[in-house]
């Protein structure tokens, strides 16, 4: 769904959020973060995700195992440098 197809109430909600929280770049405080360790994302195709992140972007796959919380689901990681990683889960059957 693109922004032009969202209902008008969603546009009003986004505008209100921007007005309350979005600051001009020169008024934003500098981040003290030195990394995020990892960010977890969902994917629908493990093989395609590995090909994209490892083969195209060059982030090496560092681990792949069954998700201990959801049997049958895959949990895998890519090294994105400086001690940070992208983690992915797939949930077969969940669309």
PDB file of N, CA and C in Angstrom:
ATOM      1  N   UNK A   1       0.853  -1.168   0.000  1.00  0.00           N
ATOM      2  CA  UNK A   1       0.000   0.000   0.000  1.00  0.00           C
ATOM      3  C   UNK A   1       0.901   1.234   0.000  1.00  0.00           C
ATOM      4  N   UNK A   2       0.722   2.124  -0.957  1.00  0.00           N
ATOM      5  CA  UNK A   2       1.517   3.346  -0.956  1.00  0.00           C
ATOM      6  C   UNK A   2       0.770   4.445  -0.199  1.00  0.00           C
ATOM      7  N   UNK A   3       1.463   5.551   0.062  1.00  0.00           N
ATOM      8  CA  UNK A   3       0.894   6.621   0.882  1.00  0.00           C
ATOM      9  C   UNK A   3      -0.369   7.213   0.280  1.00  0.00           C
ATOM     10  N   UNK A   4      -0.487   7.196  -1.034  1.00  0.00           N
ATOM     11  CA  UNK A   4      -1.669   7.788  -1.655  1.00  0.00           C
ATOM     12  C   UNK A   4      -2.901   6.913  -1.487  1.00  0.00           C
ATOM     13  N   UNK A   5      -2.726   5.641  -1.145  1.00  0.00           N
ATOM     14  CA  UNK A   5      -3.877   4.764  -0.995  1.00  0.00           C
ATOM     15  C   UNK A   5      -4.300   4.603   0.463  1.00  0.00           C
ATOM     16  N   UNK A   6      -3.564   5.201   1.385  1.00  0.00           N
ATOM     17  CA  UNK A   6      -3.938   5.114   2.799  1.00  0.00           C
ATOM     18  C   UNK A   6      -5.181   5.961   3.053  1.00  0.00           C
ATOM     19  N   UNK A   7      -6.029   5.524   3.968  1.00  0.00           N
ATOM     20  CA  UNK A   7      -7.235   6.300   4.280  1.00  0.00           C
ATOM     21  C   UNK A   7      -6.875   7.660   4.881  1.00  0.00           C
ATOM     22  N   UNK A   8      -7.742   8.646   4.713  1.00  0.00           N
ATOM     23  CA  UNK A   8      -7.457   9.997   5.221  1.00  0.00           C
ATOM     24  C   UNK A   8      -7.138  10.036   6.715  1.00  0.00           C
ATOM     25  N   UNK A   9      -7.777   9.177   7.514  1.00  0.00           N
ATOM     26  CA  UNK A   9      -7.488   9.206   8.951  1.00  0.00           C
ATOM     27  C   UNK A   9      -6.047   8.795   9.249  1.00  0.00           C
ATOM     28  N   UNK A  10      -5.478   7.901   8.431  1.00  0.00           N
ATOM     29  CA  UNK A  10      -4.072   7.525   8.615  1.00  0.00           C
ATOM     30  C   UNK A  10      -3.159   8.706   8.285  1.00  0.00           C
ATOM     31  N   UNK A  11      -3.510   9.458   7.237  1.00  0.00           N
ATOM     32  CA  UNK A  11      -2.714  10.640   6.893  1.00  0.00           C
ATOM     33  C   UNK A  11      -2.751  11.655   8.029  1.00  0.00           C
ATOM     34  N   UNK A  12      -3.909  11.843   8.635  1.00  0.00           N
ATOM     35  CA  UNK A  12      -4.016  12.774   9.767  1.00  0.00           C
ATOM     36  C   UNK A  12      -3.193  12.272  10.953  1.00  0.00           C
ATOM     37  N   UNK A  13      -3.230  10.967  11.188  1.00  0.00           N
ATOM     38  CA  UNK A  13      -2.449  10.382  12.284  1.00  0.00           C
ATOM     39  C   UNK A  13      -0.957  10.596  12.051  1.00  0.00           C
ATOM     40  N   UNK A  14      -0.499  10.364  10.821  1.00  0.00           N
ATOM     41  CA  UNK A  14       0.919  10.560  10.503  1.00  0.00           C
ATOM     42  C   UNK A  14       1.325  12.019  10.677  1.00  0.00           C
ATOM     43  N   UNK A  15       0.471  12.910  10.230  1.00  0.00           N
ATOM     44  CA  UNK A  15       0.768  14.337  10.356  1.00  0.00           C
ATOM     45  C   UNK A  15       0.860  14.734  11.827  1.00  0.00           C
ATOM     46  N   UNK A  16      -0.038  14.220  12.656  1.00  0.00           N
ATOM     47  CA  UNK A  16       0.001  14.521  14.089  1.00  0.00           C
ATOM     48  C   UNK A  16       1.280  13.967  14.723  1.00  0.00           C
ATOM     49  N   UNK A  17       1.676  12.767  14.343  1.00  0.00           N
ATOM     50  CA  UNK A  17       2.921  12.191  14.864  1.00  0.00           C
ATOM     51  C   UNK A  17       4.130  13.020  14.443  1.00  0.00           C
ATOM     52  N   UNK A  18       4.151  13.438  13.173  1.00  0.00           N
ATOM     53  CA  UNK A  18       5.257  14.287  12.706  1.00  0.00           C
ATOM     54  C   UNK A  18       5.302  15.587  13.503  1.00  0.00           C
ATOM     55  N   UNK A  19       4.138  16.206  13.715  1.00  0.00           N
ATOM     56  CA  UNK A  19       4.086  17.479  14.436  1.00  0.00           C
ATOM     57  C   UNK A  19       4.574  17.324  15.881  1.00  0.00           C
ATOM     58  N   UNK A  20       4.252  16.208  16.519  1.00  0.00           N
ATOM     59  CA  UNK A  20       4.643  15.992  17.914  1.00  0.00           C
ATOM     60  C   UNK A  20       6.096  15.556  18.079  1.00  0.00           C
ATOM     61  N   UNK A  21       6.617  14.784  17.150  1.00  0.00           N
ATOM     62  CA  UNK A  21       7.898  14.124  17.399  1.00  0.00           C
ATOM     63  C   UNK A  21       9.033  14.434  16.427  1.00  0.00           C
ATOM     64  N   UNK A  22       8.746  14.847  15.223  1.00  0.00           N
ATOM     65  CA  UNK A  22       9.795  15.056  14.229  1.00  0.00           C
ATOM     66  C   UNK A  22      10.418  16.434  14.410  1.00  0.00           C
ATOM     67  N   UNK A  23      11.737  16.460  14.536  1.00  0.00           N
ATOM     68  CA  UNK A  23      12.464  17.716  14.708  1.00  0.00           C
ATOM     69  C   UNK A  23      13.320  17.971  13.472  1.00  0.00           C
ATOM     70  N   UNK A  24      13.540  19.239  13.134  1.00  0.00           N
ATOM     71  CA  UNK A  24      14.459  19.533  12.032  1.00  0.00           C
ATOM     72  C   UNK A  24      15.836  18.951  12.348  1.00  0.00           C
ATOM     73  N   UNK A  25      16.548  18.562  11.322  1.00  0.00           N
ATOM     74  CA  UNK A  25      17.848  17.903  11.493  1.00  0.00           C
ATOM     75  C   UNK A  25      18.773  18.698  12.412  1.00  0.00           C
ATOM     76  N   UNK A  26      18.821  20.013  12.272  1.00  0.00           N
ATOM     77  CA  UNK A  26      19.741  20.813  13.088  1.00  0.00           C
ATOM     78  C   UNK A  26      19.292  20.946  14.543  1.00  0.00           C
ATOM     79  N   UNK A  27      18.098  20.464  14.875  1.00  0.00           N
ATOM     80  CA  UNK A  27      17.610  20.511  16.256  1.00  0.00           C
ATOM     81  C   UNK A  27      17.588  19.130  16.921  1.00  0.00           C
ATOM     82  N   UNK A  28      18.044  18.120  16.213  1.00  0.00           N
ATOM     83  CA  UNK A  28      18.072  16.764  16.773  1.00  0.00           C
ATOM     84  C   UNK A  28      19.353  16.567  17.576  1.00  0.00           C
ATOM     85  N   UNK A  29      19.240  15.964  18.757  1.00  0.00           N
ATOM     86  CA  UNK A  29      20.468  15.714  19.528  1.00  0.00           C
ATOM     87  C   UNK A  29      21.321  14.649  18.848  1.00  0.00           C
ATOM     88  N   UNK A  30      22.617  14.770  19.038  1.00  0.00           N
ATOM     89  CA  UNK A  30      23.525  13.756  18.498  1.00  0.00           C
ATOM     90  C   UNK A  30      23.291  12.451  19.251  1.00  0.00           C
ATOM     91  N   UNK A  31      23.334  11.362  18.545  1.00  0.00           N
ATOM     92  CA  UNK A  31      23.156  10.056  19.172  1.00  0.00           C
ATOM     93  C   UNK A  31      24.408   9.665  19.942  1.00  0.00           C
ATOM     94  N   UNK A  32      24.206   9.050  21.077  1.00  0.00           N
ATOM     95  CA  UNK A  32      25.328   8.519  21.844  1.00  0.00           C
ATOM     96  C   UNK A  32      25.515   7.029  21.573  1.00  0.00           C
ATOM     97  N   UNK A  33      24.675   6.468  20.718  1.00  0.00           N
ATOM     98  CA  UNK A  33      24.757   5.037  20.411  1.00  0.00           C
ATOM     99  C   UNK A  33      26.058   4.727  19.685  1.00  0.00           C
ATOM    100  N   UNK A  34      26.657   3.595  20.030  1.00  0.00           N
ATOM    101  CA  UNK A  34      27.872   3.145  19.356  1.00  0.00           C
ATOM    102  C   UNK A  34      27.608   1.889  18.547  1.00  0.00           C
ATOM    103  N   UNK A  35      26.361   1.506  18.455  1.00  0.00           N
ATOM    104  CA  UNK A  35      25.957   0.315  17.723  1.00  0.00           C
ATOM    105  C   UNK A  35      24.626  -0.167  18.267  1.00  0.00           C
ATOM    106  N   UNK A  36      24.092  -1.179  17.633  1.00  0.00           N
ATOM    107  CA  UNK A  36      22.797  -1.696  18.071  1.00  0.00           C
ATOM    108  C   UNK A  36      22.842  -3.185  18.401  1.00  0.00           C
ATOM    109  N   UNK A  37      23.980  -3.820  18.298  1.00  0.00           N
ATOM    110  CA  UNK A  37      24.188  -5.260  18.434  1.00  0.00           C
ATOM    111  C   UNK A  37      23.460  -6.010  17.336  1.00  0.00           C
ATOM    112  N   UNK A  38      22.112  -6.062  17.388  1.00  0.00           N
ATOM    113  CA  UNK A  38      21.397  -6.664  16.262  1.00  0.00           C
ATOM    114  C   UNK A  38      19.976  -6.135  16.184  1.00  0.00           C
ATOM    115  N   UNK A  39      19.453  -6.206  14.994  1.00  0.00           N
ATOM    116  CA  UNK A  39      18.075  -5.843  14.695  1.00  0.00           C
ATOM    117  C   UNK A  39      17.429  -7.087  14.116  1.00  0.00           C
ATOM    118  N   UNK A  40      16.232  -7.435  14.578  1.00  0.00           N
ATOM    119  CA  UNK A  40      15.542  -8.633  14.086  1.00  0.00           C
ATOM    120  C   UNK A  40      14.455  -8.240  13.089  1.00  0.00           C
ATOM    121  N   UNK A  41      14.430  -8.940  11.978  1.00  0.00           N
ATOM    122  CA  UNK A  41      13.472  -8.694  10.903  1.00  0.00           C
ATOM    123  C   UNK A  41      12.799 -10.007  10.522  1.00  0.00           C
ATOM    124  N   UNK A  42      11.682  -9.913   9.835  1.00  0.00           N
ATOM    125  CA  UNK A  42      10.981 -11.092   9.324  1.00  0.00           C
ATOM    126  C   UNK A  42      11.266 -11.258   7.844  1.00  0.00           C
ATOM    127  N   UNK A  43      11.283 -12.495   7.393  1.00  0.00           N
ATOM    128  CA  UNK A  43      11.412 -12.765   5.966  1.00  0.00           C
ATOM    129  C   UNK A  43      10.460 -13.893   5.599  1.00  0.00           C
ATOM    130  N   UNK A  44      10.136 -13.978   4.334  1.00  0.00           N
ATOM    131  CA  UNK A  44       9.249 -15.047   3.872  1.00  0.00           C
ATOM    132  C   UNK A  44      10.006 -16.118   3.095  1.00  0.00           C
ATOM    133  N   UNK A  45      11.265 -15.850   2.742  1.00  0.00           N
ATOM    134  CA  UNK A  45      12.048 -16.791   1.946  1.00  0.00           C
ATOM    135  C   UNK A  45      13.497 -16.750   2.433  1.00  0.00           C
ATOM    136  N   UNK A  46      13.889 -17.762   3.207  1.00  0.00           N
ATOM    137  CA  UNK A  46      15.233 -17.789   3.793  1.00  0.00           C
ATOM    138  C   UNK A  46      16.305 -17.773   2.708  1.00  0.00           C
ATOM    139  N   UNK A  47      16.165 -18.626   1.704  1.00  0.00           N
ATOM    140  CA  UNK A  47      17.165 -18.715   0.630  1.00  0.00           C
ATOM    141  C   UNK A  47      17.332 -17.378  -0.088  1.00  0.00           C
ATOM    142  N   UNK A  48      16.233 -16.733  -0.455  1.00  0.00           N
ATOM    143  CA  UNK A  48      16.307 -15.442  -1.149  1.00  0.00           C
ATOM    144  C   UNK A  48      16.918 -14.376  -0.248  1.00  0.00           C
ATOM    145  N   UNK A  49      16.613 -14.419   1.032  1.00  0.00           N
ATOM    146  CA  UNK A  49      17.175 -13.453   1.973  1.00  0.00           C
ATOM    147  C   UNK A  49      18.684 -13.637   2.085  1.00  0.00           C
ATOM    148  N   UNK A  50      19.145 -14.881   2.167  1.00  0.00           N
ATOM    149  CA  UNK A  50      20.586 -15.148   2.223  1.00  0.00           C
ATOM    150  C   UNK A  50      21.269 -14.676   0.942  1.00  0.00           C
ATOM    151  N   UNK A  51      20.679 -14.988  -0.203  1.00  0.00           N
ATOM    152  CA  UNK A  51      21.288 -14.554  -1.472  1.00  0.00           C
ATOM    153  C   UNK A  51      21.397 -13.032  -1.531  1.00  0.00           C
ATOM    154  N   UNK A  52      20.370 -12.327  -1.088  1.00  0.00           N
ATOM    155  CA  UNK A  52      20.392 -10.868  -1.145  1.00  0.00           C
ATOM    156  C   UNK A  52      21.435 -10.288  -0.188  1.00  0.00           C
ATOM    157  N   UNK A  53      21.353 -10.643   1.086  1.00  0.00           N
ATOM    158  CA  UNK A  53      22.228 -10.018   2.078  1.00  0.00           C
ATOM    159  C   UNK A  53      23.678 -10.493   1.991  1.00  0.00           C
ATOM    160  N   UNK A  54      23.898 -11.761   1.689  1.00  0.00           N
ATOM    161  CA  UNK A  54      25.268 -12.262   1.620  1.00  0.00           C
ATOM    162  C   UNK A  54      25.866 -12.078   0.230  1.00  0.00           C
ATOM    163  N   UNK A  55      25.163 -12.554  -0.785  1.00  0.00           N
ATOM    164  CA  UNK A  55      25.734 -12.553  -2.130  1.00  0.00           C
ATOM    165  C   UNK A  55      25.707 -11.177  -2.787  1.00  0.00           C
ATOM    166  N   UNK A  56      24.658 -10.407  -2.563  1.00  0.00           N
ATOM    167  CA  UNK A  56      24.559  -9.093  -3.209  1.00  0.00           C
ATOM    168  C   UNK A  56      25.177  -7.985  -2.352  1.00  0.00           C
ATOM    169  N   UNK A  57      24.813  -7.928  -1.064  1.00  0.00           N
ATOM    170  CA  UNK A  57      25.311  -6.851  -0.207  1.00  0.00           C
ATOM    171  C   UNK A  57      26.645  -7.169   0.460  1.00  0.00           C
ATOM    172  N   UNK A  58      27.023  -8.448   0.496  1.00  0.00           N
ATOM    173  CA  UNK A  58      28.314  -8.827   1.051  1.00  0.00           C
ATOM    174  C   UNK A  58      28.358  -8.984   2.561  1.00  0.00           C
ATOM    175  N   UNK A  59      27.202  -9.127   3.211  1.00  0.00           N
ATOM    176  CA  UNK A  59      27.166  -9.365   4.654  1.00  0.00           C
ATOM    177  C   UNK A  59      27.225 -10.873   4.891  1.00  0.00           C
ATOM    178  N   UNK A  60      28.279 -11.396   5.518  1.00  0.00           N
ATOM    179  CA  UNK A  60      28.392 -12.846   5.681  1.00  0.00           C
ATOM    180  C   UNK A  60      27.353 -13.412   6.652  1.00  0.00           C
ATOM    181  N   UNK A  61      26.816 -14.557   6.271  1.00  0.00           N
ATOM    182  CA  UNK A  61      25.922 -15.308   7.147  1.00  0.00           C
ATOM    183  C   UNK A  61      26.773 -15.869   8.279  1.00  0.00           C
ATOM    184  N   UNK A  62      26.381 -15.615   9.532  1.00  0.00           N
ATOM    185  CA  UNK A  62      27.198 -16.051  10.669  1.00  0.00           C
ATOM    186  C   UNK A  62      26.577 -17.181  11.472  1.00  0.00           C
ATOM    187  N   UNK A  63      25.272 -17.367  11.378  1.00  0.00           N
ATOM    188  CA  UNK A  63      24.629 -18.463  12.100  1.00  0.00           C
ATOM    189  C   UNK A  63      23.247 -18.694  11.522  1.00  0.00           C
ATOM    190  N   UNK A  64      22.785 -19.935  11.625  1.00  0.00           N
ATOM    191  CA  UNK A  64      21.455 -20.311  11.147  1.00  0.00           C
ATOM    192  C   UNK A  64      21.019 -21.522  11.967  1.00  0.00           C
ATOM    193  N   UNK A  65      19.868 -21.405  12.621  1.00  0.00           N
ATOM    194  CA  UNK A  65      19.375 -22.505  13.446  1.00  0.00           C
ATOM    195  C   UNK A  65      17.864 -22.397  13.595  1.00  0.00           C
ATOM    196  N   UNK A  66      17.267 -23.442  14.143  1.00  0.00           N
ATOM    197  CA  UNK A  66      15.824 -23.426  14.375  1.00  0.00           C
ATOM    198  C   UNK A  66      15.514 -22.457  15.515  1.00  0.00           C
ATOM    199  N   UNK A  67      14.485 -21.667  15.317  1.00  0.00           N
ATOM    200  CA  UNK A  67      14.026 -20.726  16.332  1.00  0.00           C
ATOM    201  C   UNK A  67      13.520 -21.529  17.533  1.00  0.00           C
ATOM    202  N   UNK A  68      14.156 -21.362  18.674  1.00  0.00           N
ATOM    203  CA  UNK A  68      13.791 -22.169  19.846  1.00  0.00           C
ATOM    204  C   UNK A  68      12.389 -21.852  20.368  1.00  0.00           C
ATOM    205  N   UNK A  69      11.877 -20.680  20.061  1.00  0.00           N
ATOM    206  CA  UNK A  69      10.541 -20.302  20.535  1.00  0.00           C
ATOM    207  C   UNK A  69       9.422 -20.756  19.609  1.00  0.00           C
ATOM    208  N   UNK A  70       9.761 -21.043  18.346  1.00  0.00           N
ATOM    209  CA  UNK A  70       8.756 -21.439  17.353  1.00  0.00           C
ATOM    210  C   UNK A  70       9.326 -22.562  16.491  1.00  0.00           C
ATOM    211  N   UNK A  71       9.148 -23.820  16.901  1.00  0.00           N
ATOM    212  CA  UNK A  71       9.677 -24.943  16.126  1.00  0.00           C
ATOM    213  C   UNK A  71       9.253 -24.868  14.654  1.00  0.00           C
ATOM    214  N   UNK A  72      10.205 -25.134  13.783  1.00  0.00           N
ATOM    215  CA  UNK A  72       9.961 -25.063  12.346  1.00  0.00           C
ATOM    216  C   UNK A  72      10.319 -23.717  11.745  1.00  0.00           C
ATOM    217  N   UNK A  73      10.515 -22.720  12.588  1.00  0.00           N
ATOM    218  CA  UNK A  73      10.910 -21.383  12.144  1.00  0.00           C
ATOM    219  C   UNK A  73      12.434 -21.286  12.155  1.00  0.00           C
ATOM    220  N   UNK A  74      12.992 -20.563  11.197  1.00  0.00           N
ATOM    221  CA  UNK A  74      14.438 -20.384  11.087  1.00  0.00           C
ATOM    222  C   UNK A  74      14.846 -19.054  11.708  1.00  0.00           C
ATOM    223  N   UNK A  75      15.984 -19.046  12.401  1.00  0.00           N
ATOM    224  CA  UNK A  75      16.561 -17.825  12.956  1.00  0.00           C
ATOM    225  C   UNK A  75      17.989 -17.758  12.417  1.00  0.00           C
ATOM    226  N   UNK A  76      18.349 -16.649  11.754  1.00  0.00           N
ATOM    227  CA  UNK A  76      19.682 -16.560  11.161  1.00  0.00           C
ATOM    228  C   UNK A  76      20.194 -15.133  11.194  1.00  0.00           C
ATOM    229  N   UNK A  77      21.525 -14.999  11.116  1.00  0.00           N
ATOM    230  CA  UNK A  77      22.192 -13.724  11.343  1.00  0.00           C
ATOM    231  C   UNK A  77      23.209 -13.412  10.248  1.00  0.00           C
ATOM    232  N   UNK A  78      23.366 -12.111   9.978  1.00  0.00           N
ATOM    233  CA  UNK A  78      24.404 -11.608   9.080  1.00  0.00           C
ATOM    234  C   UNK A  78      25.252 -10.596   9.835  1.00  0.00           C
ATOM    235  N   UNK A  79      26.558 -10.659   9.639  1.00  0.00           N
ATOM    236  CA  UNK A  79      27.486  -9.687  10.206  1.00  0.00           C
ATOM    237  C   UNK A  79      27.462  -8.448   9.318  1.00  0.00           C
ATOM    238  N   UNK A  80      27.089  -7.303   9.900  1.00  0.00           N
ATOM    239  CA  UNK A  80      27.071  -6.064   9.117  1.00  0.00           C
ATOM    240  C   UNK A  80      28.203  -5.123   9.540  1.00  0.00           C
ATOM    241  N   UNK A  81      29.129  -5.649  10.323  1.00  0.00           N
ATOM    242  CA  UNK A  81      30.315  -4.889  10.689  1.00  0.00           C
ATOM    243  C   UNK A  81      30.238  -4.230  12.058  1.00  0.00           C
ATOM    244  N   UNK A  82      31.402  -3.962  12.618  1.00  0.00           N
ATOM    245  CA  UNK A  82      31.550  -3.239  13.883  1.00  0.00           C
ATOM    246  C   UNK A  82      30.761  -3.874  15.023  1.00  0.00           C
ATOM    247  N   UNK A  83      30.651  -5.201  15.030  1.00  0.00           N
ATOM    248  CA  UNK A  83      29.954  -5.899  16.102  1.00  0.00           C
ATOM    249  C   UNK A  83      28.441  -5.870  15.999  1.00  0.00           C
ATOM    250  N   UNK A  84      27.918  -5.445  14.864  1.00  0.00           N
ATOM    251  CA  UNK A  84      26.471  -5.357  14.660  1.00  0.00           C
ATOM    252  C   UNK A  84      26.003  -6.439  13.699  1.00  0.00           C
ATOM    253  N   UNK A  85      24.750  -6.827  13.833  1.00  0.00           N
ATOM    254  CA  UNK A  85      24.211  -7.903  12.998  1.00  0.00           C
ATOM    255  C   UNK A  85      22.770  -7.616  12.612  1.00  0.00           C
ATOM    256  N   UNK A  86      22.363  -8.218  11.511  1.00  0.00           N
ATOM    257  CA  UNK A  86      20.951  -8.289  11.145  1.00  0.00           C
ATOM    258  C   UNK A  86      20.510  -9.708  11.439  1.00  0.00           C
ATOM    259  N   UNK A  87      19.422  -9.850  12.158  1.00  0.00           N
ATOM    260  CA  UNK A  87      18.864 -11.165  12.468  1.00  0.00           C
ATOM    261  C   UNK A  87      17.538 -11.296  11.740  1.00  0.00           C
ATOM    262  N   UNK A  88      17.254 -12.492  11.278  1.00  0.00           N
ATOM    263  CA  UNK A  88      16.000 -12.749  10.574  1.00  0.00           C
ATOM    264  C   UNK A  88      15.297 -13.960  11.165  1.00  0.00           C
ATOM    265  N   UNK A  89      13.987 -13.930  11.072  1.00  0.00           N
ATOM    266  CA  UNK A  89      13.128 -15.067  11.383  1.00  0.00           C
ATOM    267  C   UNK A  89      12.249 -15.313  10.175  1.00  0.00           C
ATOM    268  N   UNK A  90      11.945 -16.557   9.903  1.00  0.00           N
ATOM    269  CA  UNK A  90      10.850 -16.860   8.990  1.00  0.00           C
ATOM    270  C   UNK A  90       9.807 -17.613   9.810  1.00  0.00           C
ATOM    271  N   UNK A  91       8.574 -17.532   9.406  1.00  0.00           N
ATOM    272  CA  UNK A  91       7.484 -18.242  10.068  1.00  0.00           C
ATOM    273  C   UNK A  91       6.681 -18.946   8.990  1.00  0.00           C
ATOM    274  N   UNK A  92       7.112 -20.155   8.590  1.00  0.00           N
ATOM    275  CA  UNK A  92       6.410 -20.869   7.521  1.00  0.00           C
ATOM    276  C   UNK A  92       4.917 -20.986   7.816  1.00  0.00           C
ATOM    277  N   UNK A  93       4.125 -20.719   6.778  1.00  0.00           N
ATOM    278  CA  UNK A  93       2.679 -20.790   6.907  1.00  0.00           C
ATOM    279  C   UNK A  93       2.041 -19.483   7.328  1.00  0.00           C
ATOM    280  N   UNK A  94       2.844 -18.539   7.786  1.00  0.00           N
ATOM    281  CA  UNK A  94       2.320 -17.235   8.176  1.00  0.00           C
ATOM    282  C   UNK A  94       2.551 -16.268   7.028  1.00  0.00           C
ATOM    283  N   UNK A  95       1.513 -15.764   6.480  1.00  0.00           N
ATOM    284  CA  UNK A  95       1.640 -14.827   5.357  1.00  0.00           C
ATOM    285  C   UNK A  95       1.327 -13.425   5.793  1.00  0.00           C
TER     286      UNK A  95
END
